[in-house]
C-alpha cells in the first residue's frame, strides 16, 4: 500500500483520531502497560526499525532505510512483540531490571488518507527519554515514525510502523523498550 500525497487538515476528524491514538499509545508505553498496548495492534502488524546508514550525496546508491530489504534493529510481527512483552514479566528480562523510566514525546503529527476508508497513514516525530534507575544512565532517542492505522470495530489499530532513527549510532545500552 502506497502512502498518498494529500495531507489531511488538522480539523479533520480522522486526523484528530490518529493524534489521539498516538497520545494514548504513548501513555500506555510510558506506564509500561504492554499487554494493553498489544491490543492496539492488528494481528498482521509489522513493526520495523531499519539500521540508518549515513553516506555522502554522491555515493551512487540509495541508502534510504525505508526502501527495500536491509538490516534492521528489529523487524517484528505480533507474535514476536507478544513474546517480548511476556518476557518482560519474568525474571529473565535483565535488560529491563530495574524497569526503565520512560517518556515518549510525540509531535509533528501529519495524517494522510489511505487507498480506502479503513486505512490512514500517519507521520510523527518522537523523542524518547529513558532513565535507568538512580545512576546517571539516561538516554534520548529521536526518530521519525511512519504508521499505517487500520479502522476496526474497536477503533483505529496499528497495522505497520517504520521507525527511522535520526542517528546512525544509537546511544542506548539496548532496545528493550518500544518506540
C-alpha atoms as a PDB file:
ATOM      1  CA  UNK A   1       0.000   0.000   0.000  1.00  0.00           C
ATOM      2  CA  UNK A   2       1.494   3.344  -1.082  1.00  0.00           C
ATOM      3  CA  UNK A   3       1.277   6.472   1.022  1.00  0.00           C
ATOM      4  CA  UNK A   4      -0.714   9.173  -0.814  1.00  0.00           C
ATOM      5  CA  UNK A   5       0.485  12.769  -1.018  1.00  0.00           C
ATOM      6  CA  UNK A   6      -2.655  14.598   0.180  1.00  0.00           C
ATOM      7  CA  UNK A   7      -2.298  15.622   3.806  1.00  0.00           C
ATOM      8  CA  UNK A   8      -5.474  15.842   5.896  1.00  0.00           C
ATOM      9  CA  UNK A   9      -6.177  19.166   7.631  1.00  0.00           C
ATOM     10  CA  UNK A  10      -5.824  19.291  11.403  1.00  0.00           C
ATOM     11  CA  UNK A  11      -9.553  19.828  11.885  1.00  0.00           C
ATOM     12  CA  UNK A  12     -10.375  16.585  10.030  1.00  0.00           C
ATOM     13  CA  UNK A  13     -11.893  14.069  12.466  1.00  0.00           C
ATOM     14  CA  UNK A  14      -9.557  11.299  11.198  1.00  0.00           C
ATOM     15  CA  UNK A  15      -6.511  13.435  11.958  1.00  0.00           C
ATOM     16  CA  UNK A  16      -7.817  14.108  15.461  1.00  0.00           C
ATOM     17  CA  UNK A  17      -8.497  10.385  15.995  1.00  0.00           C
ATOM     18  CA  UNK A  18      -4.999   9.453  14.763  1.00  0.00           C
ATOM     19  CA  UNK A  19      -3.414  12.046  17.036  1.00  0.00           C
ATOM     20  CA  UNK A  20      -5.461  10.746  19.986  1.00  0.00           C
ATOM     21  CA  UNK A  21      -4.336   7.188  19.116  1.00  0.00           C
ATOM     22  CA  UNK A  22      -0.656   8.244  19.322  1.00  0.00           C
ATOM     23  CA  UNK A  23      -1.150  10.133  22.604  1.00  0.00           C
ATOM     24  CA  UNK A  24      -2.967   7.176  24.154  1.00  0.00           C
ATOM     25  CA  UNK A  25      -0.290   4.799  22.880  1.00  0.00           C
ATOM     26  CA  UNK A  26       2.470   6.968  24.394  1.00  0.00           C
ATOM     27  CA  UNK A  27       0.650   6.826  27.736  1.00  0.00           C
ATOM     28  CA  UNK A  28       0.443   3.018  27.630  1.00  0.00           C
ATOM     29  CA  UNK A  29       4.148   2.719  26.785  1.00  0.00           C
ATOM     30  CA  UNK A  30       5.220   5.238  29.446  1.00  0.00           C
ATOM     31  CA  UNK A  31       3.113   3.393  32.045  1.00  0.00           C
ATOM     32  CA  UNK A  32       4.546   0.072  30.775  1.00  0.00           C
ATOM     33  CA  UNK A  33       1.050  -1.315  30.215  1.00  0.00           C
ATOM     34  CA  UNK A  34       2.350  -3.537  27.441  1.00  0.00           C
ATOM     35  CA  UNK A  35      -0.485  -6.091  27.435  1.00  0.00           C
ATOM     36  CA  UNK A  36      -2.944  -3.259  26.785  1.00  0.00           C
ATOM     37  CA  UNK A  37      -0.607  -1.837  24.139  1.00  0.00           C
ATOM     38  CA  UNK A  38      -0.635  -5.180  22.287  1.00  0.00           C
ATOM     39  CA  UNK A  39      -4.415  -4.821  21.976  1.00  0.00           C
ATOM     40  CA  UNK A  40      -3.890  -1.644  19.916  1.00  0.00           C
ATOM     41  CA  UNK A  41      -2.050  -3.649  17.220  1.00  0.00           C
ATOM     42  CA  UNK A  42      -3.592  -5.549  14.314  1.00  0.00           C
ATOM     43  CA  UNK A  43      -2.942  -9.288  14.149  1.00  0.00           C
ATOM     44  CA  UNK A  44      -0.836  -8.762  10.991  1.00  0.00           C
ATOM     45  CA  UNK A  45       1.179  -5.807  12.354  1.00  0.00           C
ATOM     46  CA  UNK A  46       4.724  -5.215  11.133  1.00  0.00           C
ATOM     47  CA  UNK A  47       6.982  -3.215  13.467  1.00  0.00           C
ATOM     48  CA  UNK A  48      10.324  -2.255  11.900  1.00  0.00           C
ATOM     49  CA  UNK A  49      13.347  -0.132  12.776  1.00  0.00           C
ATOM     50  CA  UNK A  50      15.843  -0.209   9.906  1.00  0.00           C
ATOM     51  CA  UNK A  51      19.510   0.476  10.529  1.00  0.00           C
ATOM     52  CA  UNK A  52      20.288   4.033   9.467  1.00  0.00           C
ATOM     53  CA  UNK A  53      23.266   4.474   7.134  1.00  0.00           C
ATOM     54  CA  UNK A  54      24.965   7.806   6.538  1.00  0.00           C
ATOM     55  CA  UNK A  55      26.501   8.196   3.082  1.00  0.00           C
ATOM     56  CA  UNK A  56      27.849  11.047   1.014  1.00  0.00           C
ATOM     57  CA  UNK A  57      25.447  12.501  -1.542  1.00  0.00           C
ATOM     58  CA  UNK A  58      27.468  11.220  -4.491  1.00  0.00           C
ATOM     59  CA  UNK A  59      27.937   7.662  -3.185  1.00  0.00           C
ATOM     60  CA  UNK A  60      25.964   6.187  -6.085  1.00  0.00           C
ATOM     61  CA  UNK A  61      23.423   4.097  -4.173  1.00  0.00           C
ATOM     62  CA  UNK A  62      20.272   4.687  -2.215  1.00  0.00           C
ATOM     63  CA  UNK A  63      20.830   4.144   1.491  1.00  0.00           C
ATOM     64  CA  UNK A  64      17.313   5.177   2.422  1.00  0.00           C
ATOM     65  CA  UNK A  65      16.135   2.979   5.285  1.00  0.00           C
ATOM     66  CA  UNK A  66      12.558   2.908   4.043  1.00  0.00           C
ATOM     67  CA  UNK A  67      13.109   1.265   0.672  1.00  0.00           C
ATOM     68  CA  UNK A  68      13.889  -2.340   0.055  1.00  0.00           C
ATOM     69  CA  UNK A  69      15.305  -5.054   2.308  1.00  0.00           C
ATOM     70  CA  UNK A  70      18.241  -4.386   4.544  1.00  0.00           C
ATOM     71  CA  UNK A  71      19.483  -4.648   8.063  1.00  0.00           C
ATOM     72  CA  UNK A  72      17.161  -3.703  10.881  1.00  0.00           C
ATOM     73  CA  UNK A  73      17.490  -3.228  14.613  1.00  0.00           C
ATOM     74  CA  UNK A  74      14.235  -5.160  14.700  1.00  0.00           C
ATOM     75  CA  UNK A  75      11.620  -6.352  12.223  1.00  0.00           C
ATOM     76  CA  UNK A  76       8.770  -7.841  14.225  1.00  0.00           C
ATOM     77  CA  UNK A  77       5.246  -9.155  13.974  1.00  0.00           C
ATOM     78  CA  UNK A  78       2.505  -9.535  16.578  1.00  0.00           C
ATOM     79  CA  UNK A  79       3.869 -12.891  17.773  1.00  0.00           C
ATOM     80  CA  UNK A  80       7.416 -11.623  18.384  1.00  0.00           C
ATOM     81  CA  UNK A  81       6.115  -8.443  20.055  1.00  0.00           C
ATOM     82  CA  UNK A  82       3.885 -10.504  22.347  1.00  0.00           C
ATOM     83  CA  UNK A  83       6.867 -12.735  23.213  1.00  0.00           C
ATOM     84  CA  UNK A  84       8.902  -9.654  24.173  1.00  0.00           C
ATOM     85  CA  UNK A  85       6.027  -8.424  26.350  1.00  0.00           C
ATOM     86  CA  UNK A  86       5.658 -11.837  28.018  1.00  0.00           C
ATOM     87  CA  UNK A  87       9.408 -11.988  28.709  1.00  0.00           C
ATOM     88  CA  UNK A  88       9.313  -8.583  30.438  1.00  0.00           C
ATOM     89  CA  UNK A  89       7.036 -10.106  33.076  1.00  0.00           C
ATOM     90  CA  UNK A  90       9.675 -12.693  34.000  1.00  0.00           C
ATOM     91  CA  UNK A  91      12.910 -12.510  35.973  1.00  0.00           C
ATOM     92  CA  UNK A  92      14.794 -13.116  32.691  1.00  0.00           C
ATOM     93  CA  UNK A  93      14.249  -9.557  31.419  1.00  0.00           C
ATOM     94  CA  UNK A  94      17.599  -8.417  32.816  1.00  0.00           C
ATOM     95  CA  UNK A  95      17.864  -5.580  30.287  1.00  0.00           C
ATOM     96  CA  UNK A  96      14.839  -4.023  31.984  1.00  0.00           C
ATOM     97  CA  UNK A  97      15.676  -4.762  35.625  1.00  0.00           C
ATOM     98  CA  UNK A  98      15.158  -2.305  37.147  1.00  0.00           C
ATOM     99  CA  UNK A  99      12.496  -1.170  34.685  1.00  0.00           C
ATOM    100  CA  UNK A 100      13.313   1.950  32.695  1.00  0.00           C
ATOM    101  CA  UNK A 101      11.518   5.183  33.391  1.00  0.00           C
ATOM    102  CA  UNK A 102      10.123   6.249  30.041  1.00  0.00           C
ATOM    103  CA  UNK A 103       8.662   9.343  28.486  1.00  0.00           C
ATOM    104  CA  UNK A 104       7.508   9.282  24.850  1.00  0.00           C
ATOM    105  CA  UNK A 105       7.131  12.776  23.376  1.00  0.00           C
ATOM    106  CA  UNK A 106       5.122  12.575  20.134  1.00  0.00           C
ATOM    107  CA  UNK A 107       4.815  15.638  17.908  1.00  0.00           C
ATOM    108  CA  UNK A 108       4.613  16.871  14.294  1.00  0.00           C
ATOM    109  CA  UNK A 109       1.682  14.549  13.598  1.00  0.00           C
ATOM    110  CA  UNK A 110       0.542  14.579   9.967  1.00  0.00           C
ATOM    111  CA  UNK A 111      -2.126  12.295   8.540  1.00  0.00           C
ATOM    112  CA  UNK A 112      -2.843  11.134   5.010  1.00  0.00           C
ATOM    113  CA  UNK A 113      -5.814   9.313   3.545  1.00  0.00           C
ATOM    114  CA  UNK A 114      -5.218   5.680   2.681  1.00  0.00           C
ATOM    115  CA  UNK A 115      -6.254   3.942  -0.529  1.00  0.00           C
ATOM    116  CA  UNK A 116      -9.524   3.019   1.171  1.00  0.00           C
ATOM    117  CA  UNK A 117     -11.535   4.435   4.088  1.00  0.00           C
ATOM    118  CA  UNK A 118     -10.270   1.842   6.586  1.00  0.00           C
ATOM    119  CA  UNK A 119      -6.600   2.897   6.317  1.00  0.00           C
ATOM    120  CA  UNK A 120      -4.844   6.060   7.391  1.00  0.00           C
ATOM    121  CA  UNK A 121      -1.163   6.967   7.076  1.00  0.00           C
ATOM    122  CA  UNK A 122       0.348   8.892   9.975  1.00  0.00           C
ATOM    123  CA  UNK A 123       3.760  10.537  10.196  1.00  0.00           C
ATOM    124  CA  UNK A 124       5.090  11.722  13.531  1.00  0.00           C
ATOM    125  CA  UNK A 125       8.276  12.662  15.310  1.00  0.00           C
ATOM    126  CA  UNK A 126       9.153  11.056  18.611  1.00  0.00           C
ATOM    127  CA  UNK A 127      11.644  11.828  21.313  1.00  0.00           C
ATOM    128  CA  UNK A 128      12.096   9.025  23.833  1.00  0.00           C
ATOM    129  CA  UNK A 129      13.630   9.818  27.218  1.00  0.00           C
ATOM    130  CA  UNK A 130      14.783   6.745  29.099  1.00  0.00           C
ATOM    131  CA  UNK A 131      16.247   6.669  32.593  1.00  0.00           C
ATOM    132  CA  UNK A 132      17.712   3.575  34.227  1.00  0.00           C
ATOM    133  CA  UNK A 133      17.434   3.689  37.982  1.00  0.00           C
ATOM    134  CA  UNK A 134      19.257   6.139  40.213  1.00  0.00           C
ATOM    135  CA  UNK A 135      22.569   6.196  38.384  1.00  0.00           C
ATOM    136  CA  UNK A 136      23.430   8.510  35.522  1.00  0.00           C
ATOM    137  CA  UNK A 137      22.098   6.212  32.812  1.00  0.00           C
ATOM    138  CA  UNK A 138      19.641   8.381  30.925  1.00  0.00           C
ATOM    139  CA  UNK A 139      19.375   8.390  27.149  1.00  0.00           C
ATOM    140  CA  UNK A 140      17.477  10.198  24.416  1.00  0.00           C
ATOM    141  CA  UNK A 141      16.394   8.718  21.114  1.00  0.00           C
ATOM    142  CA  UNK A 142      14.993  10.950  18.410  1.00  0.00           C
ATOM    143  CA  UNK A 143      13.181   9.375  15.491  1.00  0.00           C
ATOM    144  CA  UNK A 144      10.555   9.790  12.830  1.00  0.00           C
ATOM    145  CA  UNK A 145       7.740   7.261  12.533  1.00  0.00           C
ATOM    146  CA  UNK A 146       5.621   6.240   9.585  1.00  0.00           C
ATOM    147  CA  UNK A 147       2.497   4.406  10.708  1.00  0.00           C
ATOM    148  CA  UNK A 148      -0.363   2.746   8.924  1.00  0.00           C
ATOM    149  CA  UNK A 149      -3.530   2.697  11.016  1.00  0.00           C
ATOM    150  CA  UNK A 150      -6.445   0.417  10.199  1.00  0.00           C
ATOM    151  CA  UNK A 151     -10.001   1.041  11.368  1.00  0.00           C
ATOM    152  CA  UNK A 152     -11.554  -1.906  13.181  1.00  0.00           C
ATOM    153  CA  UNK A 153     -14.646  -2.423  15.300  1.00  0.00           C
ATOM    154  CA  UNK A 154     -12.573  -1.220  18.289  1.00  0.00           C
ATOM    155  CA  UNK A 155     -11.404   1.986  16.576  1.00  0.00           C
ATOM    156  CA  UNK A 156      -8.003   2.526  14.970  1.00  0.00           C
ATOM    157  CA  UNK A 157      -5.253  -0.084  15.331  1.00  0.00           C
ATOM    158  CA  UNK A 158      -1.613  -0.007  14.324  1.00  0.00           C
ATOM    159  CA  UNK A 159      -1.011  -2.170  11.234  1.00  0.00           C
ATOM    160  CA  UNK A 160       2.531  -1.045  10.389  1.00  0.00           C
ATOM    161  CA  UNK A 161       5.199   1.108  11.984  1.00  0.00           C
ATOM    162  CA  UNK A 162       8.523   2.062  10.484  1.00  0.00           C
ATOM    163  CA  UNK A 163      10.821   3.864  12.899  1.00  0.00           C
ATOM    164  CA  UNK A 164      13.585   5.973  11.361  1.00  0.00           C
ATOM    165  CA  UNK A 165      16.239   6.907  13.936  1.00  0.00           C
ATOM    166  CA  UNK A 166      17.797  10.319  13.462  1.00  0.00           C
ATOM    167  CA  UNK A 167      21.252   8.986  14.313  1.00  0.00           C
ATOM    168  CA  UNK A 168      23.240   6.172  12.744  1.00  0.00           C
ATOM    169  CA  UNK A 169      24.703   5.109  16.084  1.00  0.00           C
ATOM    170  CA  UNK A 170      22.154   4.589  18.832  1.00  0.00           C
ATOM    171  CA  UNK A 171      23.340   5.788  22.227  1.00  0.00           C
ATOM    172  CA  UNK A 172      21.274   3.377  24.309  1.00  0.00           C
ATOM    173  CA  UNK A 173      22.540   0.279  26.034  1.00  0.00           C
ATOM    174  CA  UNK A 174      19.775  -1.773  24.417  1.00  0.00           C
ATOM    175  CA  UNK A 175      16.449  -1.526  22.575  1.00  0.00           C
ATOM    176  CA  UNK A 176      14.375  -3.448  25.074  1.00  0.00           C
ATOM    177  CA  UNK A 177      11.665  -0.755  25.085  1.00  0.00           C
ATOM    178  CA  UNK A 178       9.048   0.035  22.443  1.00  0.00           C
ATOM    179  CA  UNK A 179       9.043   3.200  20.347  1.00  0.00           C
END
